[in-house]
């Protein structure tokens, strides 16, 4: 028996919430893990613990396994992201972002200027990398601004307060990602490093998925249990 028409169809199963949380956690820890592992495994030709010009350049450091591993893990989670029943856009954007994550990891950007490019590297790899990165962030922006904020309750004021709060956070995350993509794009004219706009965009992406996955719920339950004692 179906529920009232104003209630949105629930996810296919409870694992969808954990699915979103895992995607968010991977993004949340990616920048810090790259910096720490690259610092602990210094690369000849690069000053240890010095930030590189972009997150993608960590492909040429001792943190390459972290970068490629997390990107492939993200792609698998995105490919298998089911979203809500009857919402085809969830799956289509998931597939597109999953493919883009593979493109970012398989086709590395150009190396830092102090390092030589591997013999197999071609300029086309950098082109595919940047296109894939743009597609990936556009997909994350679509998730945050549109898909995560969808509801079968037309009027915002009729939605639960918690839902409205999550929607607002996801909207802010989407706007932050847009600003960071434009900030990074300006480097084509300024030649400035894009590490920080990339990191901020990654964190905004991670927060939007964690909020959508209601990652704060276990903390709230733990606090309630403790206060109940």
Protein backbone atom coordinates (compact mmCIF):
# COMPACT_ATOMS: atom_id res chain seq x y z
CA UNK A 1 0.00 0.00 0.00
CA UNK A 2 1.48 3.30 -1.01
CA UNK A 3 1.83 6.22 1.36
CA UNK A 4 0.28 9.66 1.03
CA UNK A 5 0.94 11.37 -2.28
CA UNK A 6 2.84 14.22 -0.63
CA UNK A 7 5.56 11.92 0.73
CA UNK A 8 8.55 11.33 -1.49
CA UNK A 9 9.46 7.75 -2.30
CA UNK A 10 12.15 6.53 0.12
CA UNK A 11 15.51 5.27 -1.12
CA UNK A 12 15.54 1.71 -2.42
CA UNK A 13 17.06 0.50 0.84
CA UNK A 14 18.69 1.85 3.97
CA UNK A 15 22.17 1.45 2.49
CA UNK A 16 21.54 4.50 0.29
CA UNK A 17 22.10 6.75 3.31
CA UNK A 18 25.39 5.00 4.10
CA UNK A 19 26.23 5.18 0.40
CA UNK A 20 26.01 8.97 0.50
CA UNK A 21 27.98 9.12 3.72
CA UNK A 22 30.82 7.06 2.25
CA UNK A 23 31.04 9.33 -0.78
CA UNK A 24 31.16 12.34 1.52
CA UNK A 25 33.80 10.83 3.79
CA UNK A 26 36.07 9.99 0.85
CA UNK A 27 35.91 13.57 -0.38
CA UNK A 28 36.29 15.04 3.09
CA UNK A 29 39.58 13.29 3.85
CA UNK A 30 41.11 13.38 0.35
CA UNK A 31 43.01 16.72 0.58
CA UNK A 32 44.47 16.08 4.03
CA UNK A 33 45.52 12.53 3.14
CA UNK A 34 47.29 13.75 -0.01
CA UNK A 35 49.26 16.37 1.91
CA UNK A 36 50.24 14.03 4.74
CA UNK A 37 51.20 11.02 2.60
CA UNK A 38 53.10 13.17 0.09
CA UNK A 39 54.96 14.79 3.00
CA UNK A 40 55.83 11.45 4.58
CA UNK A 41 56.94 10.07 1.21
CA UNK A 42 58.84 13.02 -0.33
CA UNK A 43 59.51 13.12 -4.06
CA UNK A 44 62.90 14.08 -5.44
CA UNK A 45 62.57 17.47 -7.12
CA UNK A 46 59.72 18.64 -4.87
CA UNK A 47 60.24 20.44 -1.54
CA UNK A 48 58.82 18.22 1.24
CA UNK A 49 55.53 19.40 2.78
CA UNK A 50 55.21 22.25 0.30
CA UNK A 51 51.73 22.52 -1.25
CA UNK A 52 51.60 21.87 -4.98
CA UNK A 53 49.82 24.07 -7.51
CA UNK A 54 46.83 21.75 -7.76
CA UNK A 55 45.36 18.68 -6.14
CA UNK A 56 45.85 16.80 -9.41
CA UNK A 57 49.62 17.32 -9.30
CA UNK A 58 49.78 14.97 -6.31
CA UNK A 59 49.62 12.22 -8.94
CA UNK A 60 53.38 12.75 -9.26
CA UNK A 61 54.09 12.37 -5.54
CA UNK A 62 54.22 9.52 -3.06
CA UNK A 63 50.48 10.08 -2.54
CA UNK A 64 49.56 8.85 -6.02
CA UNK A 65 47.98 5.71 -4.55
CA UNK A 66 45.71 7.81 -2.33
CA UNK A 67 44.63 10.07 -5.19
CA UNK A 68 43.93 7.30 -7.69
CA UNK A 69 42.50 4.94 -5.08
CA UNK A 70 39.99 7.44 -3.71
CA UNK A 71 38.98 8.57 -7.20
CA UNK A 72 38.33 4.98 -8.25
CA UNK A 73 36.41 4.32 -5.02
CA UNK A 74 34.34 7.44 -5.67
CA UNK A 75 33.65 6.32 -9.23
CA UNK A 76 32.39 2.93 -8.03
CA UNK A 77 30.10 4.51 -5.44
CA UNK A 78 28.83 7.04 -7.99
CA UNK A 79 28.22 4.39 -10.65
CA UNK A 80 26.17 2.37 -8.16
CA UNK A 81 24.33 5.33 -6.63
CA UNK A 82 20.65 4.54 -7.05
CA UNK A 83 19.04 7.63 -5.59
CA UNK A 84 15.28 7.65 -5.22
CA UNK A 85 12.82 5.38 -6.95
CA UNK A 86 11.57 6.91 -10.16
CA UNK A 87 14.18 9.71 -10.24
CA UNK A 88 16.16 8.88 -13.36
CA UNK A 89 18.28 12.02 -13.05
CA UNK A 90 19.89 10.64 -9.87
CA UNK A 91 21.26 7.65 -11.75
CA UNK A 92 22.19 9.53 -14.93
CA UNK A 93 24.17 12.19 -13.05
CA UNK A 94 25.70 9.42 -10.93
CA UNK A 95 26.89 7.56 -14.03
CA UNK A 96 28.26 10.74 -15.60
CA UNK A 97 30.13 11.74 -12.44
CA UNK A 98 31.44 8.18 -12.03
CA UNK A 99 32.83 8.20 -15.57
CA UNK A 100 34.34 11.65 -14.99
CA UNK A 101 36.06 10.42 -11.81
CA UNK A 102 37.64 7.60 -13.83
CA UNK A 103 38.80 10.13 -16.43
CA UNK A 104 40.41 12.32 -13.77
CA UNK A 105 42.33 9.37 -12.32
CA UNK A 106 43.35 7.57 -15.53
CA UNK A 107 44.44 10.68 -17.45
CA UNK A 108 46.75 12.72 -15.19
CA UNK A 109 47.44 16.41 -15.56
CA UNK A 110 50.87 17.72 -16.50
CA UNK A 111 53.56 17.25 -13.82
CA UNK A 112 54.91 20.07 -11.63
CA UNK A 113 57.40 22.21 -13.52
CA UNK A 114 60.33 20.82 -11.50
CA UNK A 115 59.61 17.25 -12.63
CA UNK A 116 59.87 15.57 -16.01
CA UNK A 117 56.78 14.02 -17.54
CA UNK A 118 56.71 10.21 -17.76
CA UNK A 119 57.59 8.79 -21.18
CA UNK A 120 54.00 7.65 -21.70
CA UNK A 121 52.42 11.03 -20.84
CA UNK A 122 50.93 13.10 -23.64
CA UNK A 123 49.39 16.57 -23.68
CA UNK A 124 46.06 14.97 -24.62
CA UNK A 125 46.04 13.34 -21.20
CA UNK A 126 45.98 16.76 -19.55
CA UNK A 127 43.13 17.86 -21.82
CA UNK A 128 41.02 14.81 -20.93
CA UNK A 129 41.91 15.30 -17.26
CA UNK A 130 40.69 18.90 -17.15
CA UNK A 131 37.51 18.16 -19.11
CA UNK A 132 36.76 15.25 -16.78
CA UNK A 133 37.39 17.42 -13.71
CA UNK A 134 35.01 20.09 -14.99
CA UNK A 135 32.31 17.49 -15.73
CA UNK A 136 32.83 15.96 -12.28
CA UNK A 137 32.37 19.24 -10.44
CA UNK A 138 29.41 20.25 -12.60
CA UNK A 139 27.78 16.93 -11.66
CA UNK A 140 28.50 17.58 -7.97
CA UNK A 141 26.96 21.04 -8.32
CA UNK A 142 23.85 19.54 -9.93
CA UNK A 143 23.55 17.08 -7.06
CA UNK A 144 23.91 19.79 -4.40
CA UNK A 145 21.75 22.53 -5.93
CA UNK A 146 19.06 20.47 -7.66
CA UNK A 147 18.83 16.75 -6.94
CA UNK A 148 19.54 16.84 -3.21
CA UNK A 149 16.96 19.61 -2.77
CA UNK A 150 14.15 17.94 -4.67
CA UNK A 151 10.97 17.15 -2.80
CA UNK A 152 7.49 15.93 -3.59
CA UNK A 153 6.21 18.63 -1.23
CA UNK A 154 5.90 21.65 -3.57
CA UNK A 155 5.79 24.39 -0.94
CA UNK A 156 9.04 24.85 0.96
CA UNK A 157 7.22 25.99 4.10
CA UNK A 158 5.31 22.69 4.20
CA UNK A 159 8.49 20.62 4.36
CA UNK A 160 9.98 19.47 7.68
CA UNK A 161 12.36 21.92 9.30
CA UNK A 162 15.22 19.43 9.09
CA UNK A 163 14.66 18.98 5.36
CA UNK A 164 14.69 22.73 4.79
CA UNK A 165 17.90 23.03 6.79
CA UNK A 166 19.58 20.29 4.73
CA UNK A 167 18.39 21.96 1.53
CA UNK A 168 19.91 25.27 2.59
CA UNK A 169 23.27 23.69 3.41
CA UNK A 170 23.34 21.84 0.08
CA UNK A 171 22.50 25.07 -1.76
CA UNK A 172 25.37 26.88 -0.04
CA UNK A 173 27.71 24.00 -0.90
CA UNK A 174 26.64 24.17 -4.54
CA UNK A 175 27.21 27.93 -4.68
CA UNK A 176 30.63 27.52 -3.06
CA UNK A 177 31.55 24.92 -5.70
CA UNK A 178 30.44 27.27 -8.48
CA UNK A 179 32.57 30.07 -7.04
CA UNK A 180 35.57 27.74 -6.71
CA UNK A 181 35.24 26.45 -10.28
CA UNK A 182 35.20 30.05 -11.54
CA UNK A 183 38.12 30.87 -9.24
CA UNK A 184 40.12 27.95 -10.60
CA UNK A 185 39.14 28.85 -14.16
CA UNK A 186 40.56 32.34 -13.70
CA UNK A 187 44.01 30.76 -13.40
CA UNK A 188 44.04 30.47 -17.19
CA UNK A 189 44.59 34.24 -17.19
CA UNK A 190 46.37 34.77 -13.87
CA UNK A 191 48.49 31.58 -13.89
CA UNK A 192 47.83 31.36 -10.14
CA UNK A 193 47.85 28.02 -8.30
CA UNK A 194 44.44 26.35 -8.03
CA UNK A 195 45.13 24.14 -5.02
CA UNK A 196 42.93 26.07 -2.59
CA UNK A 197 39.89 26.54 -4.87
CA UNK A 198 40.07 22.82 -5.61
CA UNK A 199 40.32 21.90 -1.92
CA UNK A 200 37.44 24.18 -0.93
CA UNK A 201 35.30 22.78 -3.76
CA UNK A 202 36.10 19.21 -2.70
CA UNK A 203 35.17 19.98 0.91
CA UNK A 204 31.91 21.62 -0.20
CA UNK A 205 31.11 18.55 -2.29
CA UNK A 206 31.86 16.28 0.67
CA UNK A 207 29.72 18.30 3.08
CA UNK A 208 26.74 18.24 0.70
CA UNK A 209 26.87 14.44 0.49
CA UNK A 210 27.34 14.05 4.24
CA UNK A 211 24.40 16.35 4.92
CA UNK A 212 22.23 14.53 2.39
CA UNK A 213 23.25 11.26 4.04
CA UNK A 214 22.33 12.75 7.43
CA UNK A 215 25.75 11.85 8.76
CA UNK A 216 25.07 13.90 11.87
CA UNK A 217 22.32 11.51 13.04
CA UNK A 218 24.64 8.98 14.77
CA UNK A 219 26.19 11.87 16.74
CA UNK A 220 22.77 13.17 17.77
CA UNK A 221 21.67 9.69 18.86
CA UNK A 222 24.86 9.24 20.88
CA UNK A 223 24.36 12.61 22.60
CA UNK A 224 20.75 11.73 23.40
CA UNK A 225 21.78 8.37 24.86
CA UNK A 226 24.42 10.02 27.02
CA UNK A 227 22.09 12.76 28.18
CA UNK A 228 19.44 10.14 28.94
CA UNK A 229 21.79 8.49 31.37
